[in-house]
Protein backbone atom coordinates (compact mmCIF):
# COMPACT_ATOMS: atom_id res chain seq x y z
CA UNK A 1 71.89 11.08 -60.43
CA UNK A 2 69.72 13.27 -62.62
CA UNK A 3 65.94 13.33 -62.22
CA UNK A 4 65.49 12.38 -65.88
CA UNK A 5 67.74 9.34 -65.51
CA UNK A 6 65.88 8.31 -62.35
CA UNK A 7 62.52 8.69 -64.09
CA UNK A 8 63.68 6.55 -67.01
CA UNK A 9 65.01 3.92 -64.60
CA UNK A 10 61.76 3.94 -62.59
CA UNK A 11 59.62 3.54 -65.70
CA UNK A 12 61.84 0.85 -67.20
CA UNK A 13 61.93 -1.04 -63.90
CA UNK A 14 58.15 -1.09 -63.78
CA UNK A 15 57.59 -1.92 -67.46
CA UNK A 16 60.33 -4.57 -67.65
CA UNK A 17 58.98 -6.28 -64.54
CA UNK A 18 55.34 -6.18 -65.65
CA UNK A 19 55.83 -7.06 -69.32
CA UNK A 20 59.35 -8.44 -69.74
CA UNK A 21 62.48 -6.82 -71.07
CA UNK A 22 62.06 -8.16 -74.61
CA UNK A 23 58.43 -7.03 -74.84
CA UNK A 24 59.09 -3.39 -73.93
CA UNK A 25 60.48 -1.08 -76.58
CA UNK A 26 62.47 2.09 -76.16
CA UNK A 27 59.55 4.12 -77.55
CA UNK A 28 57.26 2.85 -74.76
CA UNK A 29 59.83 3.80 -72.14
CA UNK A 30 60.37 7.25 -73.63
CA UNK A 31 56.64 7.87 -73.90
CA UNK A 32 55.79 6.63 -70.41
CA UNK A 33 58.73 8.49 -68.83
CA UNK A 34 57.76 11.60 -70.80
CA UNK A 35 61.33 12.30 -71.86
CA UNK A 36 62.83 13.24 -75.18
CA UNK A 37 64.52 10.54 -77.24
CA UNK A 38 67.77 12.50 -77.02
CA UNK A 39 67.48 12.55 -73.21
CA UNK A 40 67.04 8.80 -73.17
CA UNK A 41 70.14 8.21 -75.28
CA UNK A 42 72.15 10.77 -73.32
CA UNK A 43 71.63 8.65 -70.20
CA UNK A 44 71.58 5.19 -71.77
CA UNK A 45 73.34 4.20 -74.97
CA UNK A 46 70.89 1.39 -75.65
CA UNK A 47 67.95 -0.55 -74.30
CA UNK A 48 70.40 -3.21 -73.14
CA UNK A 49 72.39 -0.56 -71.26
CA UNK A 50 69.18 0.58 -69.59
CA UNK A 51 68.20 -3.00 -68.73
CA UNK A 52 71.64 -3.58 -67.19
CA UNK A 53 71.24 -0.41 -65.10
CA UNK A 54 67.78 -1.59 -64.00
CA UNK A 55 69.19 -4.97 -62.94
CA UNK A 56 72.09 -3.34 -61.09
CA UNK A 57 69.78 -1.03 -59.18
CA UNK A 58 67.31 -3.86 -58.47
CA UNK A 59 70.17 -6.07 -57.24
CA UNK A 60 71.25 -3.41 -54.74
CA UNK A 61 67.71 -2.76 -53.54
CA UNK A 62 66.62 -6.40 -53.29
CA UNK A 63 69.74 -7.44 -51.41
CA UNK A 64 69.49 -4.46 -49.04
CA UNK A 65 65.80 -5.15 -48.43
CA UNK A 66 66.41 -8.81 -47.61
CA UNK A 67 69.32 -8.03 -45.30
CA UNK A 68 67.30 -5.42 -43.43
CA UNK A 69 64.13 -7.52 -43.28
CA UNK A 70 65.95 -10.68 -42.16
CA UNK A 71 67.67 -8.75 -39.36
CA UNK A 72 64.31 -7.30 -38.31
CA UNK A 73 62.59 -10.69 -38.36
CA UNK A 74 65.48 -12.51 -36.65
CA UNK A 75 67.64 -10.37 -34.36
CA UNK A 76 69.42 -13.59 -33.36
CA UNK A 77 71.94 -14.52 -36.11
CA UNK A 78 71.25 -18.21 -35.44
CA UNK A 79 67.70 -17.78 -36.75
CA UNK A 80 68.54 -15.77 -39.87
CA UNK A 81 69.12 -18.58 -42.39
CA UNK A 82 65.46 -19.61 -42.00
CA UNK A 83 64.24 -16.01 -41.64
CA UNK A 84 65.19 -15.43 -45.29
CA UNK A 85 62.20 -17.60 -46.17
CA UNK A 86 59.97 -15.54 -43.85
CA UNK A 87 61.10 -12.41 -45.67
CA UNK A 88 60.47 -14.16 -48.98
CA UNK A 89 56.90 -14.93 -47.87
CA UNK A 90 56.35 -11.21 -47.31
CA UNK A 91 57.49 -10.44 -50.88
CA UNK A 92 55.46 -13.26 -52.35
CA UNK A 93 52.31 -11.99 -50.63
CA UNK A 94 52.41 -8.69 -52.52
CA UNK A 95 49.61 -8.48 -55.11
CA UNK A 96 52.11 -6.92 -57.53
CA UNK A 97 54.54 -9.83 -57.27
CA UNK A 98 55.30 -11.36 -60.67
CA UNK A 99 58.26 -13.53 -59.80
CA UNK A 100 61.92 -12.84 -59.40
CA UNK A 101 63.04 -10.23 -61.91
CA UNK A 102 66.41 -11.98 -62.15
CA UNK A 103 64.94 -15.41 -62.87
CA UNK A 104 62.60 -13.77 -65.37
CA UNK A 105 65.59 -12.13 -67.08
CA UNK A 106 67.48 -15.42 -67.21
CA UNK A 107 64.44 -17.07 -68.81
CA UNK A 108 64.13 -14.22 -71.33
CA UNK A 109 67.79 -14.14 -72.32
CA UNK A 110 68.78 -17.80 -72.50
CA UNK A 111 72.31 -17.59 -73.92
CA UNK A 112 74.51 -17.67 -70.78
CA UNK A 113 76.96 -15.27 -72.42
CA UNK A 114 74.28 -12.58 -72.94
CA UNK A 115 75.07 -9.51 -70.79
CA UNK A 116 71.61 -9.48 -69.19
CA UNK A 117 71.78 -13.20 -68.43
CA UNK A 118 75.21 -12.71 -66.84
CA UNK A 119 73.99 -9.78 -64.73
CA UNK A 120 70.97 -11.73 -63.47
CA UNK A 121 73.11 -14.79 -62.73
CA UNK A 122 75.56 -12.55 -60.83
CA UNK A 123 72.68 -11.46 -58.58
CA UNK A 124 71.88 -15.11 -57.86
CA UNK A 125 75.52 -15.77 -56.97
CA UNK A 126 75.51 -12.71 -54.70
CA UNK A 127 72.37 -13.97 -52.99
CA UNK A 128 73.88 -17.43 -52.53
CA UNK A 129 76.93 -15.78 -50.95
CA UNK A 130 74.51 -13.97 -48.61
CA UNK A 131 73.12 -17.36 -47.58
CA UNK A 132 76.69 -18.57 -46.96
CA UNK A 133 77.41 -15.55 -44.71
CA UNK A 134 74.20 -16.17 -42.75
CA UNK A 135 75.05 -19.83 -42.31
CA UNK A 136 78.59 -19.01 -41.18
CA UNK A 137 77.29 -16.44 -38.65
CA UNK A 138 74.83 -19.02 -37.35
CA UNK A 139 77.62 -21.57 -36.88
CA UNK A 140 76.24 -23.79 -39.64
CA UNK A 141 77.88 -25.40 -42.65
CA UNK A 142 78.04 -22.69 -45.31
CA UNK A 143 78.31 -25.31 -48.04
CA UNK A 144 74.52 -25.65 -47.69
CA UNK A 145 74.09 -22.18 -49.25
CA UNK A 146 73.51 -23.70 -52.69
CA UNK A 147 70.79 -25.95 -51.31
CA UNK A 148 69.08 -22.96 -49.68
CA UNK A 149 69.35 -21.03 -52.93
CA UNK A 150 67.68 -23.92 -54.75
CA UNK A 151 64.86 -23.96 -52.19
CA UNK A 152 64.54 -20.17 -52.40
CA UNK A 153 64.31 -20.06 -56.19
CA UNK A 154 62.01 -23.08 -56.21
CA UNK A 155 59.69 -21.33 -53.77
CA UNK A 156 59.62 -18.25 -55.99
CA UNK A 157 58.71 -20.19 -59.12
CA UNK A 158 56.16 -22.34 -57.30
CA UNK A 159 54.54 -19.27 -55.70
CA UNK A 160 54.11 -17.66 -59.11
CA UNK A 161 52.66 -20.87 -60.52
CA UNK A 162 50.29 -21.39 -57.57
CA UNK A 163 49.47 -17.71 -57.04
CA UNK A 164 50.13 -17.66 -53.30
CA UNK A 165 53.02 -17.20 -50.84
CA UNK A 166 52.81 -20.59 -49.07
CA UNK A 167 55.75 -22.13 -50.98
CA UNK A 168 58.06 -19.90 -48.92
CA UNK A 169 56.78 -21.57 -45.74
CA UNK A 170 57.22 -25.02 -47.26
CA UNK A 171 60.74 -24.10 -48.41
CA UNK A 172 61.52 -22.85 -44.89
CA UNK A 173 60.57 -26.25 -43.45
CA UNK A 174 62.69 -28.02 -46.04
CA UNK A 175 65.61 -25.69 -45.29
CA UNK A 176 65.36 -26.56 -41.59
CA UNK A 177 65.60 -30.25 -42.51
CA UNK A 178 68.56 -29.61 -44.83
CA UNK A 179 70.32 -27.72 -42.04
CA UNK A 180 69.35 -30.26 -39.37
CA UNK A 181 67.73 -27.66 -37.15
CA UNK A 182 64.31 -27.38 -35.59
CA UNK A 183 62.13 -25.02 -37.64
CA UNK A 184 61.31 -22.59 -34.82
CA UNK A 185 58.73 -19.94 -35.66
């Protein structure tokens, strides 16, 4: 991947997350990335194309981070379904945290057939499938993955509203009850 493309992606990732995709114009991205307009359009045909590339890259990085962090926090696969909420608490504690970029995108692009909405929803489905894999590996009912996803997203939104990471801990306790397991620490 070219350095110019990476710089544009880095700048767009930051600006879209801080201000919202709709609020950031191509000119702001070009200016902040210090690239020529022609360079921008050589790498991305449109702002939407750039936003899709940002979401794709973020999806890969977020999923990889969670998988790695959950394995670090819970070497025992039986503990991993709840460890996702411990990892979430770490993310929520970051002073730069402004919510889930995918939920933010869904809120910004309400028509479900919009390409950005579809890409963000695909991430959520991928994450729910991750929950299902963790549940299966722990010998638990993987049909609870949707319930865990609901608790996860609810914790994210509540943490943004309250301005602290404690909703992840509350969601972890609720997840333990949903799964019928003792919430070991």
